[in-house]
Amino acid sequence: MTVTQPDARAASGSDARRAAGSDARSAAGSAARRAELAAFLRTRRGRITPQDVGLPPGSRRRTPGLRREEVAQLAGVGVTWYTWLEQGRPINASTQVLDAVSRTLRLDQAEHEHLYRLADVPAVAETEDHRGLEPETRLILDQLGPLPAAVYNGRYDLMAWNAAYERLFPALTAQPPAVRNALWQLFTTRDCCNPVVNTEEELPQMVATLRAGFGRHLGEPAWTGFVRRLSAVSPDFVRMWAAHDVARPGSRMKIFHHCAVGLIRTVSTSMALPSPPEARMVVYTPLDDESRERIAWLRAHPGVPATDHTH
C-alpha cells in the first residue's frame, strides 16, 4: 500500500493564507476602531461651545461646536496631530495627550475610558471607584436588611457594605482603603483567623474571576501592581494565578466561620451594577435557619470580634 505524504508546500500555503487572513482581520479591526474614534471625537467636539471654554463666539462660525484647531490649542497638542487623530489616521497617542484631549472635551469617566479603548491604549487612568457609586446602590444595601451585602470592583476592592456584612467581616471593613480588598485579606490572613472555611473551592474561583477581569485591563498599573504585590506575599496566590483559569462572577456556596457564633452557610449571588464599570453587588443568603439566626445574632450584638486571636 502506498502512503501519500502530506504536501509540505500545500501546508505552508495554508498556514500563509491563515496568517494573511488573521492580519487582514486585525487591520480591519484597527481601521474600524480608528473610524469609531474619529466619529466619537467629532461628536464630542460638536457639543462644546466656544463660550464653554472662554472663547468668543464669532459671527461667521459654521462649526456647531469647537473647531479642530481650538481643541488642539486648548489641549496643548499640535493642530496637524489632532486633525489626523480625528481623521482616523494610524497614529499613536500617549496617555498624557489623551488625558488633555479628554479634559478639553469635558468627557465623563465612561467617555474617558471609551476614548482610551478606541485609541487602543490600555492604561486608563485610575479613579476612586467609590466616588462613582450611585446613591441608590447604598440605599439598596441598607434596605437588604438582615442579609449581608457588599459592593466590589473587578479586583475585589471592597467599595461599600451594609451593617450585616460589617458584623460578619469586621476585620475586612476596618482596613484602610489601600488594603480593603477581599482577595488580599484572604490570602494574607493566618488560617486560624480566615473567615472562609471552604477555601479550597472558593479561593481558586476568586482568582479565576480576577484573571478574567485582568484580561480586560492588560497593562494597567493598578491591576499589574495588585497582582505583583499579592504574588510577593502569597505562594498560594502565585500557584493559582499560574493556572490561568478564568471564571465569571456567579452564585456559589460560601461557608464562613465566626468565633462568636460558629459556622454560617450561605449562597452568594453576584449582580452587576451600572456604575461604576465592572462593579458588582454580592448578597449572602443563609442556607439554613441556623445560619440565619446566627447572622441575626451578630447584627444584634455589634462589636463582637470575628476571630479568636488567642490561637
Protein backbone atom coordinates (compact mmCIF):
# COMPACT_ATOMS: atom_id res chain seq x y z
CA MET A 1 0.00 0.00 0.00
CA THR A 2 1.35 3.40 -0.92
CA VAL A 3 1.17 6.04 1.75
CA THR A 4 0.80 9.54 0.41
CA GLN A 5 2.92 12.03 2.28
CA PRO A 6 1.40 15.42 3.03
CA ASP A 7 2.40 18.11 0.60
CA ALA A 8 4.62 20.44 2.63
CA ARG A 9 4.13 23.22 0.13
CA ALA A 10 0.35 22.95 0.42
CA ALA A 11 0.55 23.00 4.21
CA SER A 12 2.86 26.00 4.09
CA GLY A 13 0.47 27.75 1.74
CA SER A 14 -2.44 27.03 4.05
CA ASP A 15 -0.55 28.50 7.00
CA ALA A 16 0.29 31.56 4.97
CA ARG A 17 -3.35 32.04 4.00
CA ARG A 18 -4.44 31.73 7.63
CA ALA A 19 -1.80 34.24 8.70
CA ALA A 20 -2.84 36.61 5.94
CA GLY A 21 -6.48 36.25 6.96
CA SER A 22 -5.60 36.98 10.58
CA ASP A 23 -3.58 40.05 9.57
CA ALA A 24 -6.44 41.25 7.39
CA ARG A 25 -8.93 40.89 10.25
CA SER A 26 -6.57 42.71 12.60
CA ALA A 27 -6.10 45.52 10.09
CA ALA A 28 -9.86 45.75 9.54
CA GLY A 29 -10.43 45.88 13.29
CA SER A 30 -7.86 48.65 13.70
CA ALA A 31 -9.40 50.63 10.85
CA ALA A 32 -12.88 50.24 12.34
CA ARG A 33 -11.62 51.36 15.75
CA ARG A 34 -9.92 54.44 14.26
CA ALA A 35 -13.09 55.33 12.34
CA GLU A 36 -15.09 55.00 15.54
CA LEU A 37 -12.57 57.18 17.37
CA ALA A 38 -12.80 59.85 14.68
CA ALA A 39 -16.60 59.93 14.84
CA PHE A 40 -16.55 59.98 18.64
CA LEU A 41 -14.16 62.94 18.80
CA ARG A 42 -16.17 64.90 16.23
CA THR A 43 -19.41 64.45 18.17
CA ARG A 44 -17.78 65.37 21.49
CA ARG A 45 -16.19 68.45 19.92
CA GLY A 46 -19.54 69.48 18.48
CA ARG A 47 -21.23 69.72 21.85
CA ILE A 48 -18.69 72.15 23.40
CA THR A 49 -19.44 75.80 22.60
CA PRO A 50 -16.74 78.50 22.50
CA GLN A 51 -18.41 80.15 25.47
CA ASP A 52 -17.97 76.93 27.47
CA VAL A 53 -14.20 77.33 27.28
CA GLY A 54 -13.98 81.12 27.39
CA LEU A 55 -13.61 81.77 23.65
CA PRO A 56 -15.53 84.47 21.73
CA PRO A 57 -18.49 83.02 19.79
CA GLY A 58 -17.62 84.71 16.48
CA SER A 59 -20.11 85.94 13.88
CA ARG A 60 -19.26 83.60 11.00
CA ARG A 61 -18.83 80.33 12.85
CA ARG A 62 -20.17 77.42 10.81
CA THR A 63 -18.91 74.73 13.17
CA PRO A 64 -21.60 73.90 15.78
CA GLY A 65 -19.00 73.45 18.49
CA LEU A 66 -15.27 73.98 18.76
CA ARG A 67 -13.01 73.95 15.74
CA ARG A 68 -10.24 71.37 15.50
CA GLU A 69 -7.54 73.99 15.93
CA GLU A 70 -9.29 75.26 19.05
CA VAL A 71 -9.34 71.79 20.60
CA ALA A 72 -5.67 71.36 19.75
CA GLN A 73 -4.77 74.74 21.24
CA LEU A 74 -6.73 74.16 24.45
CA ALA A 75 -5.30 70.63 24.85
CA GLY A 76 -1.75 71.80 24.11
CA VAL A 77 -1.22 69.45 21.13
CA GLY A 78 -0.32 70.07 17.51
CA VAL A 79 -3.12 71.03 15.15
CA THR A 80 -1.90 68.58 12.49
CA TRP A 81 -1.65 65.75 15.02
CA TYR A 82 -5.15 66.33 16.36
CA THR A 83 -6.54 66.63 12.83
CA TRP A 84 -5.01 63.29 11.92
CA LEU A 85 -6.42 61.74 15.09
CA GLU A 86 -9.89 62.99 14.23
CA GLN A 87 -9.49 61.79 10.64
CA GLY A 88 -8.82 58.26 11.84
CA ARG A 89 -5.23 58.09 10.64
CA PRO A 90 -2.97 55.39 12.17
CA ILE A 91 -1.06 57.47 14.71
CA ASN A 92 -0.01 56.69 18.27
CA ALA A 93 -1.44 58.64 21.19
CA SER A 94 0.10 58.85 24.65
CA THR A 95 -1.93 58.78 27.84
CA GLN A 96 -0.88 62.36 28.60
CA VAL A 97 -2.22 63.61 25.26
CA LEU A 98 -5.44 61.62 25.56
CA ASP A 99 -5.97 62.99 29.06
CA ALA A 100 -5.50 66.54 27.77
CA VAL A 101 -8.00 65.98 24.94
CA SER A 102 -10.40 64.37 27.41
CA ARG A 103 -10.25 67.38 29.72
CA THR A 104 -10.72 69.80 26.85
CA LEU A 105 -13.78 67.93 25.56
CA ARG A 106 -15.10 67.56 29.13
CA LEU A 107 -15.51 63.80 28.90
CA ASP A 108 -17.05 61.98 31.84
CA GLN A 109 -15.50 58.79 33.21
CA ALA A 110 -17.34 56.43 30.83
CA GLU A 111 -16.40 58.59 27.84
CA HIS A 112 -12.82 58.86 29.06
CA GLU A 113 -12.48 55.08 29.23
CA HIS A 114 -14.16 54.75 25.83
CA LEU A 115 -11.60 57.17 24.37
CA TYR A 116 -8.75 55.02 25.68
CA ARG A 117 -10.26 51.85 24.24
CA LEU A 118 -10.80 53.39 20.81
CA ALA A 119 -7.24 54.75 20.85
CA ASP A 120 -6.03 51.23 21.74
CA VAL A 121 -4.34 52.49 24.91
CA PRO A 122 -4.80 50.04 27.81
CA ALA A 123 -3.66 52.14 30.75
CA VAL A 124 -6.83 54.01 31.61
CA ALA A 125 -6.21 56.47 34.39
CA GLU A 126 -7.40 55.17 37.74
CA THR A 127 -10.16 56.89 39.65
CA GLU A 128 -11.51 56.41 43.14
CA ASP A 129 -14.17 53.85 42.28
CA HIS A 130 -16.30 54.55 45.32
CA ARG A 131 -16.90 58.10 44.06
CA GLY A 132 -18.82 56.62 41.15
CA LEU A 133 -21.18 54.60 43.33
CA GLU A 134 -24.79 55.59 42.78
CA PRO A 135 -26.68 56.79 45.88
CA GLU A 136 -29.39 54.25 45.10
CA THR A 137 -26.84 51.46 45.48
CA ARG A 138 -26.13 52.42 49.07
CA LEU A 139 -29.86 52.62 49.73
CA ILE A 140 -30.33 49.11 48.32
CA LEU A 141 -27.52 47.79 50.53
CA ASP A 142 -29.22 49.19 53.63
CA GLN A 143 -32.68 48.01 52.59
CA LEU A 144 -31.50 44.43 52.18
CA GLY A 145 -31.84 44.30 55.94
CA PRO A 146 -30.74 41.05 57.55
CA LEU A 147 -28.78 39.82 54.53
CA PRO A 148 -25.07 40.67 54.42
CA ALA A 149 -24.32 42.50 51.18
CA ALA A 150 -21.39 44.42 49.72
CA VAL A 151 -20.14 46.02 46.51
CA TYR A 152 -16.81 45.00 44.98
CA ASN A 153 -14.99 46.20 41.91
CA GLY A 154 -13.28 43.88 39.43
CA ARG A 155 -10.21 43.46 41.66
CA TYR A 156 -12.30 42.61 44.75
CA ASP A 157 -11.70 46.00 46.34
CA LEU A 158 -14.49 46.46 48.88
CA MET A 159 -16.34 49.63 47.93
CA ALA A 160 -19.46 49.62 50.12
CA TRP A 161 -21.28 47.32 52.55
CA ASN A 162 -24.24 47.15 54.92
CA ALA A 163 -24.39 46.57 58.67
CA ALA A 164 -24.89 42.80 58.41
CA TYR A 165 -21.79 42.47 56.24
CA GLU A 166 -19.79 44.56 58.68
CA ARG A 167 -20.84 42.32 61.58
CA LEU A 168 -19.79 39.24 59.62
CA PHE A 169 -16.47 40.65 58.33
CA PRO A 170 -15.33 43.40 60.73
CA ALA A 171 -11.66 42.67 60.08
CA LEU A 172 -12.09 43.47 56.39
CA THR A 173 -14.29 46.55 56.71
CA ALA A 174 -11.93 48.06 59.31
CA GLN A 175 -8.96 48.01 56.93
CA PRO A 176 -7.70 51.24 55.30
CA PRO A 177 -8.83 51.65 51.67
CA ALA A 178 -5.43 50.66 50.26
CA VAL A 179 -5.79 47.09 51.57
CA ARG A 180 -9.57 46.84 51.91
CA ASN A 181 -9.57 44.04 49.39
CA ALA A 182 -11.21 40.64 49.86
CA LEU A 183 -8.53 38.70 47.98
CA TRP A 184 -5.69 40.44 49.79
CA GLN A 185 -7.20 39.71 53.20
CA LEU A 186 -7.99 36.07 52.42
CA PHE A 187 -4.51 35.32 51.08
CA THR A 188 -2.62 37.19 53.81
CA THR A 189 -4.66 36.20 56.88
CA ARG A 190 -3.49 33.27 59.02
CA ASP A 191 -5.54 30.06 58.71
CA CYS A 192 -6.73 30.39 62.28
CA CYS A 193 -8.31 33.77 61.55
CA ASN A 194 -9.52 33.27 57.99
CA PRO A 195 -13.32 33.73 57.84
CA VAL A 196 -13.71 31.45 54.79
CA VAL A 197 -13.94 27.76 55.62
CA ASN A 198 -14.15 26.23 52.12
CA THR A 199 -11.02 27.98 50.84
CA GLU A 200 -10.02 25.09 48.57
CA GLU A 201 -13.12 25.72 46.47
CA GLU A 202 -13.58 29.45 46.97
CA LEU A 203 -10.10 30.91 46.51
CA PRO A 204 -9.40 29.33 43.09
CA GLN A 205 -12.80 30.63 41.91
CA MET A 206 -12.00 34.14 43.11
CA VAL A 207 -8.58 34.07 41.44
CA ALA A 208 -10.16 32.81 38.21
CA THR A 209 -12.64 35.70 38.33
CA LEU A 210 -9.76 38.12 38.89
CA ARG A 211 -7.89 36.58 35.94
CA ALA A 212 -10.88 37.14 33.65
CA GLY A 213 -11.03 40.79 34.71
CA PHE A 214 -7.27 41.13 34.31
CA GLY A 215 -7.63 40.27 30.63
CA ARG A 216 -9.71 43.41 30.15
CA HIS A 217 -7.08 45.60 31.83
CA LEU A 218 -3.78 44.39 30.40
CA GLY A 219 -1.02 46.87 31.10
CA GLU A 220 -2.97 48.96 33.60
CA PRO A 221 -0.75 49.82 36.59
CA ALA A 222 -3.48 49.32 39.20
CA TRP A 223 -4.07 45.74 38.04
CA THR A 224 -0.49 44.68 37.36
CA GLY A 225 0.63 46.28 40.62
CA PHE A 226 -2.03 44.46 42.62
CA VAL A 227 -1.10 41.08 41.12
CA ARG A 228 2.60 41.78 41.71
CA ARG A 229 2.08 42.75 45.37
CA LEU A 230 -0.14 39.77 46.11
CA SER A 231 2.29 37.41 44.37
CA ALA A 232 5.09 38.73 46.58
CA VAL A 233 3.31 37.75 49.81
CA SER A 234 1.33 34.62 48.90
CA PRO A 235 2.76 31.48 47.26
CA ASP A 236 -0.78 30.07 47.14
CA PHE A 237 -1.90 33.00 45.02
CA VAL A 238 1.12 32.53 42.72
CA ARG A 239 0.17 28.89 42.20
CA MET A 240 -3.49 29.65 41.44
CA TRP A 241 -2.62 32.61 39.21
CA ALA A 242 -0.23 30.47 37.19
CA ALA A 243 -3.09 28.08 36.31
CA HIS A 244 -4.64 30.77 34.06
CA ASP A 245 -8.15 29.62 34.96
CA VAL A 246 -10.91 32.14 34.22
CA ALA A 247 -14.45 32.40 35.58
CA ARG A 248 -17.37 34.79 35.73
CA PRO A 249 -18.89 36.06 38.95
CA GLY A 250 -21.84 33.87 39.88
CA SER A 251 -23.78 32.16 42.63
CA ARG A 252 -21.75 29.87 44.87
CA MET A 253 -21.96 28.27 48.28
CA LYS A 254 -19.72 30.01 50.80
CA ILE A 255 -19.12 28.80 54.33
CA PHE A 256 -17.80 31.25 56.92
CA HIS A 257 -16.63 30.87 60.49
CA HIS A 258 -17.22 33.48 63.16
CA CYS A 259 -15.68 32.80 66.56
CA ALA A 260 -18.77 34.14 68.37
CA VAL A 261 -21.39 32.03 66.59
CA GLY A 262 -19.61 29.29 64.64
CA LEU A 263 -20.32 28.23 61.05
CA ILE A 264 -22.51 30.30 58.75
CA ARG A 265 -23.52 28.68 55.46
CA THR A 266 -24.59 31.00 52.66
CA VAL A 267 -25.19 31.24 48.93
CA SER A 268 -23.60 34.30 47.35
CA THR A 269 -25.43 36.00 44.50
CA SER A 270 -23.50 38.43 42.32
CA MET A 271 -25.29 41.19 40.40
CA ALA A 272 -23.63 43.65 38.02
CA LEU A 273 -24.14 47.35 38.71
CA PRO A 274 -24.49 50.06 36.06
CA SER A 275 -21.91 52.28 37.77
CA PRO A 276 -19.01 52.32 38.26
CA PRO A 277 -17.81 49.98 35.48
CA GLU A 278 -17.38 46.32 36.48
CA ALA A 279 -18.73 46.88 39.99
CA ARG A 280 -20.99 44.17 41.36
CA MET A 281 -23.18 43.73 44.39
CA VAL A 282 -22.83 40.42 46.22
CA VAL A 283 -25.58 39.28 48.58
CA TYR A 284 -25.05 36.42 51.04
CA THR A 285 -28.25 34.46 51.68
CA PRO A 286 -28.26 31.97 54.61
CA LEU A 287 -28.66 28.36 53.56
CA ASP A 288 -30.43 27.22 56.71
CA ASP A 289 -32.30 28.53 59.75
CA GLU A 290 -29.28 28.11 61.98
CA SER A 291 -27.15 30.34 59.76
CA ARG A 292 -29.96 32.89 59.52
CA GLU A 293 -30.27 33.02 63.31
CA ARG A 294 -26.51 33.42 63.72
CA ILE A 295 -26.41 36.37 61.31
CA ALA A 296 -29.34 37.94 63.18
CA TRP A 297 -27.50 37.48 66.48
CA LEU A 298 -24.41 39.20 65.09
CA ARG A 299 -26.50 42.13 63.89
CA ALA A 300 -27.96 42.46 67.38
CA HIS A 301 -24.53 42.37 69.04
CA PRO A 302 -22.25 44.92 67.37
CA GLY A 303 -18.63 44.98 68.43
CA VAL A 304 -18.24 41.21 68.80
CA PRO A 305 -14.81 40.20 67.38
CA ALA A 306 -14.90 37.94 64.35
CA THR A 307 -11.84 35.87 65.23
CA ASP A 308 -10.27 34.43 68.33
CA HIS A 309 -6.74 35.89 68.33
CA THR A 310 -5.63 33.66 71.22
CA HIS A 311 -4.90 30.77 68.83
